[in-house]
Amino acid sequence: MRYEHPDLLSVAAGGHLLPGYDMVSDPASANDGDGRDADASDPGDWLTWAELSRSGSSLSRCATSPSSSSWHGTQLSGLAAALTDNGIGMAGAAPGARVLPVRVLGKCGGYDSDIVAGMRWAAGLGVPGAPANPQPRGSST
């Protein structure tokens, strides 16, 4: 998720993005230097020649050529909840909705276990090693 995107922004900055969680457990796939953490911002899922040609790289299993980032979560969040009447971009289909970003996939996809953990966390269910989701229904305090 791109919290600085001018058509989304965090709730604290007047936007619709709640604090989320990063459930991507594989640091190479996560592309943010670590595994699971409280920073749901998306560094991108791009692939470089260097990554693909690195001996033993787990990333070479999913692609044979470099690619740019899809920004999938940011695109879908914008379709749903982009800010209205700000003169930027577009208006979301549900402009008053809040978005709870939960990263579950990174470079080359990810693991079912991370996806399941993300769904559980978003629903307010416990996930070992992760704090409780303080806003399981999108409420904001």
N, C-alpha and C. Protein backbone atom coordinates (compact mmCIF):
# COMPACT_ATOMS: atom_id res chain seq x y z
N MET A 1 0.85 -1.17 0.00
CA MET A 1 0.00 0.00 0.00
C MET A 1 0.89 1.23 0.00
N ARG A 2 0.50 2.20 -0.76
CA ARG A 2 1.26 3.45 -0.81
C ARG A 2 0.52 4.49 0.04
N TYR A 3 0.89 4.59 1.30
CA TYR A 3 0.21 5.51 2.22
C TYR A 3 0.36 6.97 1.80
N GLU A 4 1.39 7.28 1.03
CA GLU A 4 1.59 8.66 0.59
C GLU A 4 0.84 8.99 -0.69
N HIS A 5 0.13 8.01 -1.27
CA HIS A 5 -0.61 8.26 -2.52
C HIS A 5 -1.63 9.37 -2.27
N PRO A 6 -1.64 10.44 -3.06
CA PRO A 6 -2.50 11.59 -2.78
C PRO A 6 -3.99 11.31 -2.88
N ASP A 7 -4.38 10.22 -3.50
CA ASP A 7 -5.80 9.90 -3.60
C ASP A 7 -6.23 8.89 -2.53
N LEU A 8 -5.32 8.50 -1.65
CA LEU A 8 -5.65 7.55 -0.60
C LEU A 8 -5.33 8.12 0.78
N LEU A 9 -4.06 8.28 1.11
CA LEU A 9 -3.57 8.83 2.38
C LEU A 9 -4.04 8.05 3.60
N SER A 10 -3.30 8.17 4.66
CA SER A 10 -3.68 7.52 5.92
C SER A 10 -4.85 8.27 6.54
N VAL A 11 -5.58 7.60 7.41
CA VAL A 11 -6.69 8.24 8.11
C VAL A 11 -6.17 9.45 8.89
N ALA A 12 -5.00 9.32 9.49
CA ALA A 12 -4.42 10.43 10.27
C ALA A 12 -4.15 11.66 9.41
N ALA A 13 -3.94 11.45 8.10
CA ALA A 13 -3.68 12.57 7.19
C ALA A 13 -4.93 12.98 6.41
N GLY A 14 -6.09 12.51 6.84
CA GLY A 14 -7.35 12.87 6.19
C GLY A 14 -7.78 11.92 5.09
N GLY A 15 -7.11 10.79 4.97
CA GLY A 15 -7.46 9.81 3.94
C GLY A 15 -8.26 8.65 4.47
N HIS A 16 -8.17 7.53 3.77
CA HIS A 16 -9.00 6.37 4.10
C HIS A 16 -8.21 5.13 4.48
N LEU A 17 -6.88 5.22 4.57
CA LEU A 17 -6.06 4.04 4.87
C LEU A 17 -5.80 3.90 6.36
N LEU A 18 -6.29 2.82 6.94
CA LEU A 18 -6.05 2.50 8.34
C LEU A 18 -4.66 1.89 8.50
N PRO A 19 -4.12 1.89 9.71
CA PRO A 19 -2.87 1.18 9.91
C PRO A 19 -3.12 -0.32 9.70
N GLY A 20 -2.28 -0.97 8.95
CA GLY A 20 -2.47 -2.38 8.64
C GLY A 20 -1.34 -3.22 9.18
N TYR A 21 -1.07 -4.33 8.48
CA TYR A 21 -0.01 -5.23 8.91
C TYR A 21 0.58 -5.92 7.69
N ASP A 22 1.87 -6.22 7.78
CA ASP A 22 2.60 -6.92 6.72
C ASP A 22 2.77 -8.36 7.17
N MET A 23 2.08 -9.29 6.51
CA MET A 23 2.14 -10.71 6.85
C MET A 23 3.12 -11.49 5.99
N VAL A 24 3.86 -10.82 5.09
CA VAL A 24 4.81 -11.52 4.22
C VAL A 24 5.98 -11.99 5.07
N SER A 25 6.13 -13.31 5.20
CA SER A 25 7.13 -13.86 6.11
C SER A 25 8.52 -14.04 5.48
N ASP A 26 8.61 -14.13 4.17
CA ASP A 26 9.89 -14.35 3.48
C ASP A 26 10.53 -13.00 3.14
N PRO A 27 11.65 -12.63 3.77
CA PRO A 27 12.26 -11.32 3.51
C PRO A 27 12.61 -11.08 2.04
N ALA A 28 13.04 -12.09 1.30
CA ALA A 28 13.37 -11.89 -0.12
C ALA A 28 12.13 -11.52 -0.91
N SER A 29 11.03 -12.16 -0.63
CA SER A 29 9.77 -11.86 -1.32
C SER A 29 9.18 -10.54 -0.83
N ALA A 30 9.35 -10.25 0.46
CA ALA A 30 8.75 -9.04 1.04
C ALA A 30 9.33 -7.77 0.43
N ASN A 31 10.61 -7.78 0.07
CA ASN A 31 11.26 -6.63 -0.54
C ASN A 31 11.33 -5.41 0.37
N ASP A 32 11.22 -5.63 1.67
CA ASP A 32 11.32 -4.50 2.60
C ASP A 32 12.37 -4.74 3.69
N GLY A 33 13.19 -5.78 3.50
CA GLY A 33 14.29 -6.02 4.41
C GLY A 33 13.99 -6.91 5.59
N ASP A 34 12.73 -7.28 5.77
CA ASP A 34 12.40 -8.14 6.90
C ASP A 34 11.16 -8.97 6.59
N GLY A 35 10.71 -9.71 7.55
CA GLY A 35 9.50 -10.51 7.41
C GLY A 35 8.30 -9.74 7.94
N ARG A 36 7.46 -10.43 8.67
CA ARG A 36 6.24 -9.81 9.19
C ARG A 36 6.53 -8.64 10.11
N ASP A 37 5.73 -7.57 9.95
CA ASP A 37 5.88 -6.40 10.81
C ASP A 37 4.65 -5.51 10.68
N ALA A 38 4.61 -4.46 11.46
CA ALA A 38 3.46 -3.56 11.51
C ALA A 38 3.43 -2.52 10.39
N ASP A 39 4.37 -2.60 9.44
CA ASP A 39 4.41 -1.64 8.33
C ASP A 39 3.80 -2.28 7.08
N ALA A 40 2.55 -1.96 6.80
CA ALA A 40 1.85 -2.55 5.65
C ALA A 40 2.14 -1.83 4.34
N SER A 41 3.02 -0.83 4.35
CA SER A 41 3.32 -0.12 3.11
C SER A 41 4.02 -1.07 2.14
N ASP A 42 3.76 -0.88 0.88
CA ASP A 42 4.24 -1.79 -0.17
C ASP A 42 5.44 -1.19 -0.88
N PRO A 43 6.62 -1.84 -0.78
CA PRO A 43 7.79 -1.34 -1.48
C PRO A 43 7.81 -1.70 -2.96
N GLY A 44 6.85 -2.50 -3.41
CA GLY A 44 6.78 -2.90 -4.82
C GLY A 44 7.17 -4.34 -5.02
N ASP A 45 6.75 -4.90 -6.13
CA ASP A 45 7.05 -6.30 -6.43
C ASP A 45 7.89 -6.45 -7.70
N TRP A 46 8.60 -5.40 -8.08
CA TRP A 46 9.44 -5.40 -9.27
C TRP A 46 10.55 -6.44 -9.14
N LEU A 47 11.05 -6.87 -10.28
CA LEU A 47 12.16 -7.82 -10.32
C LEU A 47 13.25 -7.26 -11.23
N THR A 48 14.50 -7.42 -10.83
CA THR A 48 15.63 -6.94 -11.63
C THR A 48 16.41 -8.12 -12.20
N TRP A 49 17.24 -7.84 -13.21
CA TRP A 49 18.12 -8.88 -13.76
C TRP A 49 19.03 -9.43 -12.68
N ALA A 50 19.54 -8.55 -11.83
CA ALA A 50 20.46 -8.98 -10.77
C ALA A 50 19.80 -10.01 -9.86
N GLU A 51 18.55 -9.77 -9.48
CA GLU A 51 17.84 -10.72 -8.62
C GLU A 51 17.61 -12.06 -9.33
N LEU A 52 17.24 -11.98 -10.59
CA LEU A 52 16.92 -13.19 -11.34
C LEU A 52 18.15 -14.02 -11.66
N SER A 53 19.30 -13.37 -11.78
CA SER A 53 20.52 -14.10 -12.15
C SER A 53 21.34 -14.54 -10.95
N ARG A 54 20.96 -14.11 -9.75
CA ARG A 54 21.69 -14.48 -8.54
C ARG A 54 21.59 -15.99 -8.32
N SER A 55 22.72 -16.62 -8.16
CA SER A 55 22.79 -18.07 -7.96
C SER A 55 21.98 -18.47 -6.73
N GLY A 56 21.07 -19.40 -6.90
CA GLY A 56 20.26 -19.89 -5.80
C GLY A 56 19.11 -18.98 -5.41
N SER A 57 18.86 -17.93 -6.18
CA SER A 57 17.79 -16.99 -5.85
C SER A 57 16.42 -17.67 -5.89
N SER A 58 15.66 -17.49 -4.82
CA SER A 58 14.30 -18.03 -4.80
C SER A 58 13.39 -17.26 -5.75
N LEU A 59 13.81 -16.07 -6.16
CA LEU A 59 12.98 -15.26 -7.05
C LEU A 59 13.04 -15.73 -8.50
N SER A 60 14.11 -16.45 -8.87
CA SER A 60 14.22 -16.90 -10.26
C SER A 60 13.19 -17.98 -10.58
N ARG A 61 12.49 -18.49 -9.58
CA ARG A 61 11.49 -19.53 -9.80
C ARG A 61 10.22 -18.99 -10.46
N CYS A 62 10.03 -17.69 -10.41
CA CYS A 62 8.75 -17.15 -10.87
C CYS A 62 8.83 -16.31 -12.14
N ALA A 63 10.01 -15.99 -12.60
CA ALA A 63 10.11 -15.12 -13.77
C ALA A 63 11.42 -15.36 -14.50
N THR A 64 11.43 -15.01 -15.76
CA THR A 64 12.64 -15.14 -16.56
C THR A 64 13.14 -13.79 -17.06
N SER A 65 12.38 -12.74 -16.79
CA SER A 65 12.81 -11.41 -17.20
C SER A 65 12.37 -10.39 -16.16
N PRO A 66 13.04 -9.24 -16.09
CA PRO A 66 12.68 -8.20 -15.13
C PRO A 66 11.25 -7.71 -15.36
N SER A 67 10.68 -7.14 -14.33
CA SER A 67 9.33 -6.58 -14.44
C SER A 67 9.22 -5.39 -13.50
N SER A 68 8.27 -4.51 -13.80
CA SER A 68 8.01 -3.37 -12.92
C SER A 68 6.94 -3.75 -11.90
N SER A 69 6.73 -2.90 -10.93
CA SER A 69 5.76 -3.19 -9.87
C SER A 69 4.33 -3.12 -10.39
N SER A 70 3.50 -3.98 -9.85
CA SER A 70 2.08 -3.98 -10.22
C SER A 70 1.29 -2.98 -9.40
N TRP A 71 1.73 -2.68 -8.18
CA TRP A 71 1.01 -1.82 -7.24
C TRP A 71 -0.44 -2.27 -7.11
N HIS A 72 -0.64 -3.57 -7.08
CA HIS A 72 -1.96 -4.17 -7.06
C HIS A 72 -2.84 -3.65 -5.91
N GLY A 73 -2.33 -3.65 -4.70
CA GLY A 73 -3.13 -3.20 -3.56
C GLY A 73 -3.50 -1.73 -3.65
N THR A 74 -2.57 -0.92 -4.10
CA THR A 74 -2.86 0.51 -4.24
C THR A 74 -3.91 0.75 -5.32
N GLN A 75 -3.81 0.02 -6.43
CA GLN A 75 -4.81 0.16 -7.50
C GLN A 75 -6.21 -0.22 -7.01
N LEU A 76 -6.32 -1.35 -6.34
CA LEU A 76 -7.63 -1.79 -5.87
C LEU A 76 -8.18 -0.88 -4.78
N SER A 77 -7.32 -0.40 -3.91
CA SER A 77 -7.77 0.53 -2.87
C SER A 77 -8.29 1.82 -3.49
N GLY A 78 -7.63 2.29 -4.55
CA GLY A 78 -8.09 3.49 -5.24
C GLY A 78 -9.45 3.29 -5.89
N LEU A 79 -9.65 2.14 -6.51
CA LEU A 79 -10.95 1.85 -7.12
C LEU A 79 -12.06 1.88 -6.08
N ALA A 80 -11.76 1.37 -4.90
CA ALA A 80 -12.77 1.31 -3.85
C ALA A 80 -12.93 2.63 -3.09
N ALA A 81 -11.82 3.27 -2.73
CA ALA A 81 -11.93 4.34 -1.74
C ALA A 81 -11.12 5.59 -2.04
N ALA A 82 -10.81 5.85 -3.30
CA ALA A 82 -10.06 7.08 -3.61
C ALA A 82 -10.85 8.29 -3.11
N LEU A 83 -10.12 9.29 -2.61
CA LEU A 83 -10.74 10.50 -2.11
C LEU A 83 -11.51 11.21 -3.22
N THR A 84 -12.56 11.92 -2.85
CA THR A 84 -13.37 12.64 -3.84
C THR A 84 -13.18 14.14 -3.66
N ASP A 85 -13.50 14.86 -4.70
CA ASP A 85 -13.48 16.32 -4.68
C ASP A 85 -12.14 16.91 -4.28
N ASN A 86 -11.05 16.23 -4.65
CA ASN A 86 -9.73 16.77 -4.34
C ASN A 86 -8.98 17.18 -5.60
N GLY A 87 -9.61 17.03 -6.76
CA GLY A 87 -8.98 17.43 -8.02
C GLY A 87 -7.83 16.54 -8.45
N ILE A 88 -7.70 15.36 -7.85
CA ILE A 88 -6.61 14.44 -8.18
C ILE A 88 -7.20 13.10 -8.61
N GLY A 89 -6.69 12.55 -9.67
CA GLY A 89 -7.04 11.19 -10.06
C GLY A 89 -8.52 10.97 -10.29
N MET A 90 -9.08 10.06 -9.52
CA MET A 90 -10.47 9.65 -9.71
C MET A 90 -11.18 9.60 -8.36
N ALA A 91 -12.46 9.29 -8.40
CA ALA A 91 -13.23 9.07 -7.18
C ALA A 91 -13.45 7.58 -7.02
N GLY A 92 -13.33 7.08 -5.80
CA GLY A 92 -13.55 5.67 -5.54
C GLY A 92 -15.02 5.32 -5.59
N ALA A 93 -15.32 4.05 -5.81
CA ALA A 93 -16.70 3.58 -5.87
C ALA A 93 -17.39 3.70 -4.52
N ALA A 94 -16.64 3.63 -3.43
CA ALA A 94 -17.17 3.76 -2.08
C ALA A 94 -16.33 4.81 -1.36
N PRO A 95 -16.49 6.08 -1.73
CA PRO A 95 -15.58 7.13 -1.27
C PRO A 95 -15.50 7.32 0.24
N GLY A 96 -16.46 6.85 1.00
CA GLY A 96 -16.40 6.99 2.44
C GLY A 96 -15.82 5.77 3.14
N ALA A 97 -15.50 4.75 2.37
CA ALA A 97 -14.99 3.51 2.94
C ALA A 97 -13.58 3.68 3.48
N ARG A 98 -13.25 2.91 4.48
CA ARG A 98 -11.89 2.86 5.00
C ARG A 98 -11.27 1.55 4.53
N VAL A 99 -9.98 1.59 4.29
CA VAL A 99 -9.25 0.42 3.79
C VAL A 99 -8.27 -0.04 4.85
N LEU A 100 -8.31 -1.33 5.16
CA LEU A 100 -7.37 -1.92 6.11
C LEU A 100 -6.33 -2.69 5.31
N PRO A 101 -5.15 -2.09 5.05
CA PRO A 101 -4.13 -2.77 4.25
C PRO A 101 -3.50 -3.94 5.01
N VAL A 102 -3.50 -5.10 4.38
CA VAL A 102 -2.84 -6.28 4.93
C VAL A 102 -2.03 -6.90 3.80
N ARG A 103 -0.72 -6.76 3.88
CA ARG A 103 0.18 -7.33 2.86
C ARG A 103 0.31 -8.81 3.07
N VAL A 104 0.01 -9.59 2.04
CA VAL A 104 0.16 -11.05 2.15
C VAL A 104 1.00 -11.62 1.01
N LEU A 105 1.26 -10.85 -0.02
CA LEU A 105 2.06 -11.30 -1.16
C LEU A 105 3.16 -10.30 -1.45
N GLY A 106 4.27 -10.78 -1.96
CA GLY A 106 5.38 -9.94 -2.32
C GLY A 106 5.87 -10.29 -3.70
N LYS A 107 7.18 -10.15 -3.91
CA LYS A 107 7.77 -10.53 -5.19
C LYS A 107 7.52 -12.02 -5.41
N CYS A 108 7.06 -12.38 -6.57
CA CYS A 108 6.82 -13.79 -6.93
C CYS A 108 5.70 -14.43 -6.15
N GLY A 109 4.78 -13.66 -5.64
CA GLY A 109 3.66 -14.24 -4.93
C GLY A 109 3.94 -14.41 -3.46
N GLY A 110 3.68 -15.60 -2.94
CA GLY A 110 3.88 -15.82 -1.53
C GLY A 110 3.40 -17.18 -1.10
N TYR A 111 3.07 -17.29 0.17
CA TYR A 111 2.69 -18.55 0.77
C TYR A 111 1.23 -18.52 1.24
N ASP A 112 0.56 -19.64 1.09
CA ASP A 112 -0.82 -19.75 1.58
C ASP A 112 -0.89 -19.41 3.06
N SER A 113 0.12 -19.80 3.81
CA SER A 113 0.12 -19.54 5.26
C SER A 113 0.09 -18.03 5.55
N ASP A 114 0.77 -17.22 4.73
CA ASP A 114 0.74 -15.76 4.91
C ASP A 114 -0.64 -15.21 4.55
N ILE A 115 -1.24 -15.75 3.52
CA ILE A 115 -2.58 -15.31 3.11
C ILE A 115 -3.59 -15.63 4.20
N VAL A 116 -3.54 -16.85 4.72
CA VAL A 116 -4.45 -17.25 5.80
C VAL A 116 -4.23 -16.37 7.03
N ALA A 117 -2.96 -16.12 7.39
CA ALA A 117 -2.67 -15.26 8.54
C ALA A 117 -3.23 -13.86 8.32
N GLY A 118 -3.11 -13.33 7.11
CA GLY A 118 -3.64 -12.01 6.81
C GLY A 118 -5.16 -11.95 6.92
N MET A 119 -5.82 -12.97 6.43
CA MET A 119 -7.29 -13.01 6.54
C MET A 119 -7.72 -13.10 8.00
N ARG A 120 -7.02 -13.94 8.76
CA ARG A 120 -7.35 -14.08 10.18
C ARG A 120 -7.15 -12.75 10.91
N TRP A 121 -5.99 -12.11 10.66
CA TRP A 121 -5.70 -10.85 11.34
C TRP A 121 -6.73 -9.78 10.98
N ALA A 122 -7.07 -9.68 9.70
CA ALA A 122 -8.03 -8.67 9.26
C ALA A 122 -9.41 -8.89 9.90
N ALA A 123 -9.75 -10.15 10.15
CA ALA A 123 -11.04 -10.47 10.76
C ALA A 123 -11.03 -10.31 12.27
N GLY A 124 -9.87 -10.01 12.85
CA GLY A 124 -9.78 -9.83 14.28
C GLY A 124 -9.45 -11.10 15.04
N LEU A 125 -9.06 -12.15 14.32
CA LEU A 125 -8.67 -13.40 14.96
C LEU A 125 -7.18 -13.37 15.27
N GLY A 126 -6.77 -14.15 16.24
CA GLY A 126 -5.38 -14.17 16.65
C GLY A 126 -4.46 -14.79 15.61
N VAL A 127 -3.27 -14.22 15.48
CA VAL A 127 -2.21 -14.74 14.62
C VAL A 127 -0.95 -14.80 15.48
N PRO A 128 -0.37 -15.99 15.66
CA PRO A 128 0.84 -16.09 16.49
C PRO A 128 1.94 -15.13 16.01
N GLY A 129 2.50 -14.39 16.95
CA GLY A 129 3.58 -13.46 16.64
C GLY A 129 3.13 -12.09 16.16
N ALA A 130 1.84 -11.91 15.93
CA ALA A 130 1.32 -10.61 15.47
C ALA A 130 0.43 -10.01 16.56
N PRO A 131 0.45 -8.70 16.70
CA PRO A 131 -0.44 -8.08 17.68
C PRO A 131 -1.89 -8.19 17.21
N ALA A 132 -2.80 -8.02 18.12
CA ALA A 132 -4.22 -8.03 17.76
C ALA A 132 -4.53 -6.87 16.82
N ASN A 133 -5.43 -7.10 15.89
CA ASN A 133 -5.89 -6.03 15.00
C ASN A 133 -6.83 -5.13 15.80
N PRO A 134 -6.46 -3.87 16.01
CA PRO A 134 -7.30 -2.99 16.81
C PRO A 134 -8.55 -2.51 16.08
N GLN A 135 -8.63 -2.76 14.78
CA GLN A 135 -9.76 -2.26 13.99
C GLN A 135 -10.29 -3.34 13.04
N PRO A 136 -10.75 -4.47 13.57
CA PRO A 136 -11.15 -5.57 12.70
C PRO A 136 -12.36 -5.29 11.82
N ARG A 137 -13.10 -4.26 12.11
CA ARG A 137 -14.25 -3.92 11.28
C ARG A 137 -14.07 -2.58 10.57
N GLY A 138 -12.84 -2.11 10.53
CA GLY A 138 -12.56 -0.85 9.85
C GLY A 138 -12.90 0.38 10.66
N SER A 139 -13.20 0.21 11.94
CA SER A 139 -13.50 1.37 12.77
C SER A 139 -12.22 2.16 13.00
N SER A 140 -12.36 3.38 13.34
CA SER A 140 -11.20 4.21 13.62
C SER A 140 -11.41 4.95 14.92
N THR A 141 -10.37 4.99 15.73
CA THR A 141 -10.49 5.68 17.00
C THR A 141 -9.70 6.95 16.97
